[in-house]
Amino acid sequence: MREERNELLSSFEEIGSAEPTVKDLVMALLIIAIVFAFLVPKIYISNQIYYKSRNINKLLDNYEILKEEHRILKRKIEYAQFKNQILGTIF
């Protein structure tokens, strides 16, 4: 029983003491490069979509403001025309 236990422990020590090789390092760097190759374009595209949507929202806000100003100016013009017509008939 003790011999089996010692044999198992020695086999675990052999496995655990294996040092990383150059191949392992290259594989790790390759995996990191592949992950970066997929993530960097996704992050860039997401940022571009965010900034474009901010610009679109800003333009839509300006459009709504200008539409409201246009309505106000139309009312002022109609009031001025109405006032002119009434004053024109009096004098």
C-alpha atoms as a PDB file:
ATOM      1  CA  MET A   1       0.000   0.000   0.000  1.00  0.00           C
ATOM      2  CA  ARG A   2       2.759   2.410   0.894  1.00  0.00           C
ATOM      3  CA  GLU A   3       4.634   1.545  -2.249  1.00  0.00           C
ATOM      4  CA  GLU A   4       1.627   2.324  -4.407  1.00  0.00           C
ATOM      5  CA  ARG A   5       1.181   5.603  -2.607  1.00  0.00           C
ATOM      6  CA  ASN A   6       4.826   6.557  -3.089  1.00  0.00           C
ATOM      7  CA  GLU A   7       4.647   5.515  -6.724  1.00  0.00           C
ATOM      8  CA  LEU A   8       1.575   7.699  -7.300  1.00  0.00           C
ATOM      9  CA  LEU A   9       3.187  10.651  -5.531  1.00  0.00           C
ATOM     10  CA  SER A  10       6.343  10.326  -7.600  1.00  0.00           C
ATOM     11  CA  SER A  11       4.325  10.220 -10.826  1.00  0.00           C
ATOM     12  CA  PHE A  12       2.477  13.414  -9.787  1.00  0.00           C
ATOM     13  CA  GLU A  13       5.766  15.096  -8.966  1.00  0.00           C
ATOM     14  CA  GLU A  14       7.100  14.210 -12.413  1.00  0.00           C
ATOM     15  CA  ILE A  15       4.019  15.683 -14.075  1.00  0.00           C
ATOM     16  CA  GLY A  16       4.026  18.778 -11.888  1.00  0.00           C
ATOM     17  CA  SER A  17       7.704  19.484 -12.423  1.00  0.00           C
ATOM     18  CA  ALA A  18       7.384  19.693 -16.217  1.00  0.00           C
ATOM     19  CA  GLU A  19       8.683  23.108 -17.241  1.00  0.00           C
ATOM     20  CA  PRO A  20       7.039  25.137 -19.997  1.00  0.00           C
ATOM     21  CA  THR A  21       8.670  24.800 -23.355  1.00  0.00           C
ATOM     22  CA  VAL A  22       9.070  27.260 -26.178  1.00  0.00           C
ATOM     23  CA  LYS A  23       6.183  25.531 -27.937  1.00  0.00           C
ATOM     24  CA  ASP A  24       3.898  26.282 -24.985  1.00  0.00           C
ATOM     25  CA  LEU A  25       4.969  29.925 -25.010  1.00  0.00           C
ATOM     26  CA  VAL A  26       4.360  30.227 -28.744  1.00  0.00           C
ATOM     27  CA  MET A  27       0.914  28.647 -28.391  1.00  0.00           C
ATOM     28  CA  ALA A  28      -0.013  31.041 -25.585  1.00  0.00           C
ATOM     29  CA  LEU A  29       1.139  34.052 -27.619  1.00  0.00           C
ATOM     30  CA  LEU A  30      -0.741  32.765 -30.664  1.00  0.00           C
ATOM     31  CA  ILE A  31      -3.952  32.407 -28.669  1.00  0.00           C
ATOM     32  CA  ILE A  32      -3.560  35.936 -27.268  1.00  0.00           C
ATOM     33  CA  ALA A  33      -2.951  37.301 -30.779  1.00  0.00           C
ATOM     34  CA  ILE A  34      -6.064  35.555 -32.121  1.00  0.00           C
ATOM     35  CA  VAL A  35      -8.189  36.916 -29.269  1.00  0.00           C
ATOM     36  CA  PHE A  36      -6.858  40.442 -29.926  1.00  0.00           C
ATOM     37  CA  ALA A  37      -7.500  40.044 -33.655  1.00  0.00           C
ATOM     38  CA  PHE A  38     -11.170  39.396 -32.942  1.00  0.00           C
ATOM     39  CA  LEU A  39     -11.706  41.841 -30.089  1.00  0.00           C
ATOM     40  CA  VAL A  40      -9.988  44.968 -31.412  1.00  0.00           C
ATOM     41  CA  PRO A  41     -12.192  45.356 -34.528  1.00  0.00           C
ATOM     42  CA  LYS A  42     -15.327  44.645 -32.481  1.00  0.00           C
ATOM     43  CA  ILE A  43     -14.417  47.325 -29.935  1.00  0.00           C
ATOM     44  CA  TYR A  44     -13.573  49.803 -32.706  1.00  0.00           C
ATOM     45  CA  ILE A  45     -16.860  49.196 -34.527  1.00  0.00           C
ATOM     46  CA  SER A  46     -18.856  49.451 -31.284  1.00  0.00           C
ATOM     47  CA  ASN A  47     -17.218  52.783 -30.488  1.00  0.00           C
ATOM     48  CA  GLN A  48     -17.895  54.110 -33.974  1.00  0.00           C
ATOM     49  CA  ILE A  49     -21.565  53.120 -33.736  1.00  0.00           C
ATOM     50  CA  TYR A  50     -21.808  54.849 -30.352  1.00  0.00           C
ATOM     51  CA  TYR A  51     -20.305  58.122 -31.606  1.00  0.00           C
ATOM     52  CA  LYS A  52     -22.409  58.117 -34.788  1.00  0.00           C
ATOM     53  CA  SER A  53     -25.590  57.576 -32.779  1.00  0.00           C
ATOM     54  CA  ARG A  54     -24.629  60.467 -30.472  1.00  0.00           C
ATOM     55  CA  ASN A  55     -24.233  62.717 -33.519  1.00  0.00           C
ATOM     56  CA  ILE A  56     -27.555  61.552 -34.936  1.00  0.00           C
ATOM     57  CA  ASN A  57     -29.336  62.256 -31.641  1.00  0.00           C
ATOM     58  CA  LYS A  58     -27.777  65.711 -31.481  1.00  0.00           C
ATOM     59  CA  LEU A  59     -28.922  66.463 -35.033  1.00  0.00           C
ATOM     60  CA  LEU A  60     -32.434  65.202 -34.266  1.00  0.00           C
ATOM     61  CA  ASP A  61     -32.608  67.467 -31.226  1.00  0.00           C
ATOM     62  CA  ASN A  62     -31.537  70.447 -33.331  1.00  0.00           C
ATOM     63  CA  TYR A  63     -34.112  69.515 -35.976  1.00  0.00           C
ATOM     64  CA  GLU A  64     -36.909  69.447 -33.402  1.00  0.00           C
ATOM     65  CA  ILE A  65     -35.808  72.821 -32.015  1.00  0.00           C
ATOM     66  CA  LEU A  66     -35.745  74.340 -35.502  1.00  0.00           C
ATOM     67  CA  LYS A  67     -39.197  72.922 -36.301  1.00  0.00           C
ATOM     68  CA  GLU A  68     -40.608  74.539 -33.168  1.00  0.00           C
ATOM     69  CA  GLU A  69     -38.934  77.864 -33.988  1.00  0.00           C
ATOM     70  CA  HIS A  70     -40.420  77.629 -37.476  1.00  0.00           C
ATOM     71  CA  ARG A  71     -43.928  77.170 -36.020  1.00  0.00           C
ATOM     72  CA  ILE A  72     -43.441  80.174 -33.730  1.00  0.00           C
ATOM     73  CA  LEU A  73     -42.214  82.358 -36.599  1.00  0.00           C
ATOM     74  CA  LYS A  74     -45.152  81.255 -38.755  1.00  0.00           C
ATOM     75  CA  ARG A  75     -47.569  82.321 -36.013  1.00  0.00           C
ATOM     76  CA  LYS A  76     -45.826  85.683 -35.675  1.00  0.00           C
ATOM     77  CA  ILE A  77     -46.023  86.240 -39.442  1.00  0.00           C
ATOM     78  CA  GLU A  78     -49.719  85.302 -39.491  1.00  0.00           C
ATOM     79  CA  TYR A  79     -50.365  87.679 -36.593  1.00  0.00           C
ATOM     80  CA  ALA A  80     -48.464  90.485 -38.333  1.00  0.00           C
ATOM     81  CA  GLN A  81     -50.382  89.890 -41.583  1.00  0.00           C
ATOM     82  CA  PHE A  82     -53.707  89.817 -39.735  1.00  0.00           C
ATOM     83  CA  LYS A  83     -52.817  93.000 -37.851  1.00  0.00           C
ATOM     84  CA  ASN A  84     -51.765  94.659 -41.111  1.00  0.00           C
ATOM     85  CA  GLN A  85     -55.037  93.715 -42.801  1.00  0.00           C
ATOM     86  CA  ILE A  86     -57.120  95.052 -39.908  1.00  0.00           C
ATOM     87  CA  LEU A  87     -55.118  98.264 -39.649  1.00  0.00           C
ATOM     88  CA  GLY A  88     -55.243  98.630 -43.440  1.00  0.00           C
ATOM     89  CA  THR A  89     -59.033  98.560 -43.423  1.00  0.00           C
ATOM     90  CA  ILE A  90     -59.294 101.050 -40.552  1.00  0.00           C
ATOM     91  CA  PHE A  91     -57.047 103.689 -42.094  1.00  0.00           C
END
